[in-house]
Amino acid sequence: MNRLGIQLTPDVIDAINEELAYVDTLRDRGRANGEEYGVAGQLVTLACYTRRAEAAWVDNAGEELALDNLRKVAAIAVRALVVYGCPRRM
């Protein structure tokens, strides 16, 4: 736990795991071509979904749609760390 007492809750972990499971289905539905584009590709994808979260917040009353996109951002980042490595803080 960090100084602010923030840590992943079971609900957040479940939501990210559900998103990761969903991402795994995209290849079967023609949404992804099966190619891995490395860390650079993950960064581009993260930027795209971050822009979507920003737009959702600007264009809609409330934060639910922005948080929906942030869940996707979190899953993309977690997947990248799992696939490409997760260096520890020194």
N, C-alpha and C. Protein backbone atom coordinates (compact mmCIF):
# COMPACT_ATOMS: atom_id res chain seq x y z
N MET A 1 0.85 -1.17 0.00
CA MET A 1 0.00 0.00 0.00
C MET A 1 0.90 1.24 0.00
N ASN A 2 0.45 2.26 -0.70
CA ASN A 2 1.25 3.47 -0.76
C ASN A 2 0.85 4.45 0.33
N ARG A 3 1.48 5.57 0.34
CA ARG A 3 1.28 6.59 1.38
C ARG A 3 -0.17 7.06 1.47
N LEU A 4 -0.87 7.11 0.34
CA LEU A 4 -2.26 7.56 0.34
C LEU A 4 -3.24 6.44 0.67
N GLY A 5 -2.73 5.23 0.80
CA GLY A 5 -3.61 4.11 1.10
C GLY A 5 -4.36 3.59 -0.11
N ILE A 6 -3.91 3.97 -1.30
CA ILE A 6 -4.59 3.52 -2.52
C ILE A 6 -3.99 2.20 -2.96
N GLN A 7 -4.87 1.23 -3.19
CA GLN A 7 -4.43 -0.04 -3.75
C GLN A 7 -5.56 -0.59 -4.60
N LEU A 8 -5.22 -1.53 -5.45
CA LEU A 8 -6.24 -2.11 -6.32
C LEU A 8 -7.27 -2.85 -5.48
N THR A 9 -8.53 -2.59 -5.78
CA THR A 9 -9.60 -3.29 -5.09
C THR A 9 -10.03 -4.49 -5.92
N PRO A 10 -10.69 -5.45 -5.30
CA PRO A 10 -11.17 -6.60 -6.07
C PRO A 10 -12.06 -6.19 -7.24
N ASP A 11 -12.89 -5.17 -7.08
CA ASP A 11 -13.76 -4.72 -8.17
C ASP A 11 -12.95 -4.18 -9.35
N VAL A 12 -11.90 -3.43 -9.06
CA VAL A 12 -11.06 -2.88 -10.12
C VAL A 12 -10.29 -4.01 -10.81
N ILE A 13 -9.74 -4.92 -10.03
CA ILE A 13 -9.03 -6.06 -10.61
C ILE A 13 -9.95 -6.87 -11.50
N ASP A 14 -11.17 -7.13 -11.03
CA ASP A 14 -12.14 -7.89 -11.83
C ASP A 14 -12.47 -7.17 -13.13
N ALA A 15 -12.68 -5.85 -13.05
CA ALA A 15 -13.02 -5.08 -14.26
C ALA A 15 -11.89 -5.12 -15.27
N ILE A 16 -10.66 -5.00 -14.81
CA ILE A 16 -9.51 -5.06 -15.73
C ILE A 16 -9.36 -6.45 -16.31
N ASN A 17 -9.52 -7.49 -15.48
CA ASN A 17 -9.45 -8.86 -15.99
C ASN A 17 -10.55 -9.13 -17.01
N GLU A 18 -11.75 -8.61 -16.79
CA GLU A 18 -12.83 -8.76 -17.77
C GLU A 18 -12.48 -8.06 -19.08
N GLU A 19 -11.89 -6.91 -18.98
CA GLU A 19 -11.48 -6.17 -20.19
C GLU A 19 -10.39 -6.94 -20.93
N LEU A 20 -9.43 -7.50 -20.20
CA LEU A 20 -8.39 -8.30 -20.83
C LEU A 20 -8.98 -9.52 -21.53
N ALA A 21 -9.96 -10.16 -20.91
CA ALA A 21 -10.62 -11.31 -21.54
C ALA A 21 -11.34 -10.87 -22.80
N TYR A 22 -11.97 -9.71 -22.76
CA TYR A 22 -12.66 -9.18 -23.94
C TYR A 22 -11.66 -8.92 -25.07
N VAL A 23 -10.53 -8.30 -24.75
CA VAL A 23 -9.52 -8.00 -25.75
C VAL A 23 -9.06 -9.28 -26.44
N ASP A 24 -8.95 -10.36 -25.66
CA ASP A 24 -8.54 -11.65 -26.24
C ASP A 24 -9.52 -12.17 -27.27
N THR A 25 -10.78 -11.73 -27.23
CA THR A 25 -11.79 -12.19 -28.20
C THR A 25 -11.76 -11.40 -29.49
N LEU A 26 -11.06 -10.28 -29.53
CA LEU A 26 -11.13 -9.39 -30.70
C LEU A 26 -10.58 -10.04 -31.96
N ARG A 27 -9.54 -10.83 -31.82
CA ARG A 27 -8.97 -11.48 -33.00
C ARG A 27 -9.98 -12.40 -33.65
N ASP A 28 -10.79 -13.09 -32.85
CA ASP A 28 -11.80 -13.99 -33.38
C ASP A 28 -12.94 -13.24 -34.09
N ARG A 29 -13.04 -11.95 -33.81
CA ARG A 29 -14.11 -11.15 -34.41
C ARG A 29 -13.61 -10.18 -35.45
N GLY A 30 -12.37 -10.38 -35.89
CA GLY A 30 -11.83 -9.55 -36.96
C GLY A 30 -11.43 -8.15 -36.56
N ARG A 31 -11.35 -7.87 -35.26
CA ARG A 31 -10.99 -6.53 -34.81
C ARG A 31 -9.49 -6.32 -34.68
N ALA A 32 -8.75 -7.41 -34.65
CA ALA A 32 -7.30 -7.31 -34.55
C ALA A 32 -6.71 -8.34 -35.51
N ASN A 33 -5.59 -8.01 -36.08
CA ASN A 33 -5.03 -8.89 -37.10
C ASN A 33 -4.07 -9.93 -36.55
N GLY A 34 -3.92 -10.00 -35.24
CA GLY A 34 -3.06 -11.00 -34.65
C GLY A 34 -1.60 -10.60 -34.57
N GLU A 35 -1.25 -9.48 -35.15
CA GLU A 35 0.12 -9.00 -35.10
C GLU A 35 0.35 -8.24 -33.80
N GLU A 36 1.53 -8.40 -33.26
CA GLU A 36 1.94 -7.60 -32.11
C GLU A 36 2.80 -6.46 -32.65
N TYR A 37 2.57 -5.28 -32.21
CA TYR A 37 3.29 -4.11 -32.71
C TYR A 37 4.25 -3.54 -31.69
N GLY A 38 4.59 -4.30 -30.69
CA GLY A 38 5.57 -3.89 -29.71
C GLY A 38 5.08 -2.80 -28.78
N VAL A 39 6.01 -2.32 -28.01
CA VAL A 39 5.70 -1.28 -27.03
C VAL A 39 5.19 -0.03 -27.74
N ALA A 40 5.78 0.32 -28.87
CA ALA A 40 5.34 1.52 -29.59
C ALA A 40 3.87 1.41 -29.98
N GLY A 41 3.45 0.25 -30.47
CA GLY A 41 2.05 0.05 -30.82
C GLY A 41 1.13 0.17 -29.62
N GLN A 42 1.60 -0.32 -28.47
CA GLN A 42 0.80 -0.20 -27.25
C GLN A 42 0.67 1.27 -26.83
N LEU A 43 1.74 2.04 -26.99
CA LEU A 43 1.68 3.45 -26.64
C LEU A 43 0.71 4.21 -27.55
N VAL A 44 0.71 3.88 -28.83
CA VAL A 44 -0.23 4.52 -29.76
C VAL A 44 -1.66 4.16 -29.37
N THR A 45 -1.89 2.89 -29.05
CA THR A 45 -3.23 2.46 -28.64
C THR A 45 -3.65 3.15 -27.34
N LEU A 46 -2.73 3.25 -26.39
CA LEU A 46 -3.03 3.95 -25.14
C LEU A 46 -3.40 5.40 -25.41
N ALA A 47 -2.65 6.06 -26.28
CA ALA A 47 -2.94 7.47 -26.59
C ALA A 47 -4.32 7.61 -27.22
N CYS A 48 -4.66 6.70 -28.12
CA CYS A 48 -5.97 6.74 -28.78
C CYS A 48 -7.10 6.61 -27.76
N TYR A 49 -6.99 5.63 -26.87
CA TYR A 49 -8.05 5.42 -25.89
C TYR A 49 -8.06 6.50 -24.81
N THR A 50 -6.91 7.11 -24.54
CA THR A 50 -6.89 8.25 -23.63
C THR A 50 -7.65 9.43 -24.25
N ARG A 51 -7.44 9.66 -25.55
CA ARG A 51 -8.20 10.72 -26.24
C ARG A 51 -9.69 10.42 -26.21
N ARG A 52 -10.06 9.16 -26.38
CA ARG A 52 -11.48 8.79 -26.31
C ARG A 52 -12.05 9.08 -24.92
N ALA A 53 -11.28 8.81 -23.89
CA ALA A 53 -11.73 9.10 -22.52
C ALA A 53 -11.91 10.59 -22.33
N GLU A 54 -10.96 11.37 -22.84
CA GLU A 54 -11.08 12.83 -22.74
C GLU A 54 -12.32 13.32 -23.47
N ALA A 55 -12.54 12.83 -24.67
CA ALA A 55 -13.71 13.24 -25.46
C ALA A 55 -15.00 12.83 -24.77
N ALA A 56 -15.01 11.64 -24.19
CA ALA A 56 -16.21 11.17 -23.49
C ALA A 56 -16.53 12.08 -22.31
N TRP A 57 -15.51 12.53 -21.62
CA TRP A 57 -15.73 13.42 -20.49
C TRP A 57 -16.26 14.78 -20.97
N VAL A 58 -15.68 15.29 -22.05
CA VAL A 58 -16.09 16.60 -22.57
C VAL A 58 -17.51 16.55 -23.14
N ASP A 59 -17.83 15.48 -23.85
CA ASP A 59 -19.07 15.41 -24.62
C ASP A 59 -20.28 14.90 -23.84
N ASN A 60 -20.09 14.38 -22.65
CA ASN A 60 -21.20 13.76 -21.93
C ASN A 60 -21.29 14.29 -20.51
N ALA A 61 -22.53 14.34 -20.03
CA ALA A 61 -22.73 14.70 -18.64
C ALA A 61 -22.29 13.52 -17.78
N GLY A 62 -21.56 13.80 -16.74
CA GLY A 62 -21.10 12.74 -15.86
C GLY A 62 -19.78 12.15 -16.32
N GLU A 63 -19.32 11.19 -15.56
CA GLU A 63 -18.00 10.63 -15.80
C GLU A 63 -18.03 9.18 -16.23
N GLU A 64 -19.19 8.55 -16.32
CA GLU A 64 -19.27 7.12 -16.58
C GLU A 64 -18.61 6.70 -17.89
N LEU A 65 -18.86 7.44 -18.97
CA LEU A 65 -18.26 7.07 -20.25
C LEU A 65 -16.75 7.30 -20.25
N ALA A 66 -16.30 8.34 -19.56
CA ALA A 66 -14.86 8.56 -19.45
C ALA A 66 -14.21 7.43 -18.66
N LEU A 67 -14.85 7.01 -17.57
CA LEU A 67 -14.31 5.91 -16.77
C LEU A 67 -14.34 4.59 -17.54
N ASP A 68 -15.34 4.40 -18.39
CA ASP A 68 -15.39 3.21 -19.24
C ASP A 68 -14.14 3.14 -20.12
N ASN A 69 -13.77 4.27 -20.69
CA ASN A 69 -12.57 4.31 -21.52
C ASN A 69 -11.30 4.21 -20.69
N LEU A 70 -11.30 4.73 -19.48
CA LEU A 70 -10.13 4.60 -18.62
C LEU A 70 -9.89 3.14 -18.23
N ARG A 71 -10.98 2.38 -18.05
CA ARG A 71 -10.83 0.94 -17.80
C ARG A 71 -10.10 0.27 -18.97
N LYS A 72 -10.44 0.68 -20.18
CA LYS A 72 -9.77 0.15 -21.37
C LYS A 72 -8.30 0.55 -21.38
N VAL A 73 -8.01 1.79 -21.02
CA VAL A 73 -6.63 2.27 -20.95
C VAL A 73 -5.85 1.42 -19.94
N ALA A 74 -6.45 1.19 -18.78
CA ALA A 74 -5.77 0.39 -17.76
C ALA A 74 -5.48 -1.01 -18.27
N ALA A 75 -6.44 -1.62 -18.94
CA ALA A 75 -6.24 -2.98 -19.46
C ALA A 75 -5.17 -3.01 -20.55
N ILE A 76 -5.14 -2.01 -21.41
CA ILE A 76 -4.12 -1.95 -22.46
C ILE A 76 -2.73 -1.84 -21.80
N ALA A 77 -2.61 -0.99 -20.79
CA ALA A 77 -1.33 -0.82 -20.11
C ALA A 77 -0.92 -2.10 -19.38
N VAL A 78 -1.86 -2.73 -18.69
CA VAL A 78 -1.54 -3.97 -17.98
C VAL A 78 -1.12 -5.05 -18.97
N ARG A 79 -1.84 -5.18 -20.07
CA ARG A 79 -1.50 -6.19 -21.08
C ARG A 79 -0.09 -5.94 -21.63
N ALA A 80 0.23 -4.69 -21.91
CA ALA A 80 1.56 -4.37 -22.43
C ALA A 80 2.65 -4.76 -21.42
N LEU A 81 2.40 -4.50 -20.15
CA LEU A 81 3.39 -4.85 -19.13
C LEU A 81 3.54 -6.36 -19.00
N VAL A 82 2.44 -7.09 -19.12
CA VAL A 82 2.51 -8.55 -19.04
C VAL A 82 3.25 -9.11 -20.25
N VAL A 83 2.92 -8.61 -21.45
CA VAL A 83 3.50 -9.16 -22.67
C VAL A 83 4.96 -8.74 -22.85
N TYR A 84 5.27 -7.47 -22.56
CA TYR A 84 6.60 -6.93 -22.89
C TYR A 84 7.52 -6.77 -21.68
N GLY A 85 7.00 -6.95 -20.50
CA GLY A 85 7.81 -6.85 -19.29
C GLY A 85 7.41 -5.69 -18.42
N CYS A 86 7.62 -5.88 -17.14
CA CYS A 86 7.24 -4.86 -16.17
C CYS A 86 8.42 -4.60 -15.24
N PRO A 87 9.29 -3.67 -15.64
CA PRO A 87 10.45 -3.40 -14.79
C PRO A 87 10.01 -2.82 -13.44
N ARG A 88 10.71 -3.22 -12.43
CA ARG A 88 10.41 -2.73 -11.07
C ARG A 88 11.04 -1.36 -10.86
N ARG A 89 10.40 -0.58 -10.01
CA ARG A 89 10.96 0.73 -9.65
C ARG A 89 12.26 0.52 -8.90
N MET A 90 13.25 1.29 -9.27
CA MET A 90 14.57 1.14 -8.61
C MET A 90 14.64 1.98 -7.37
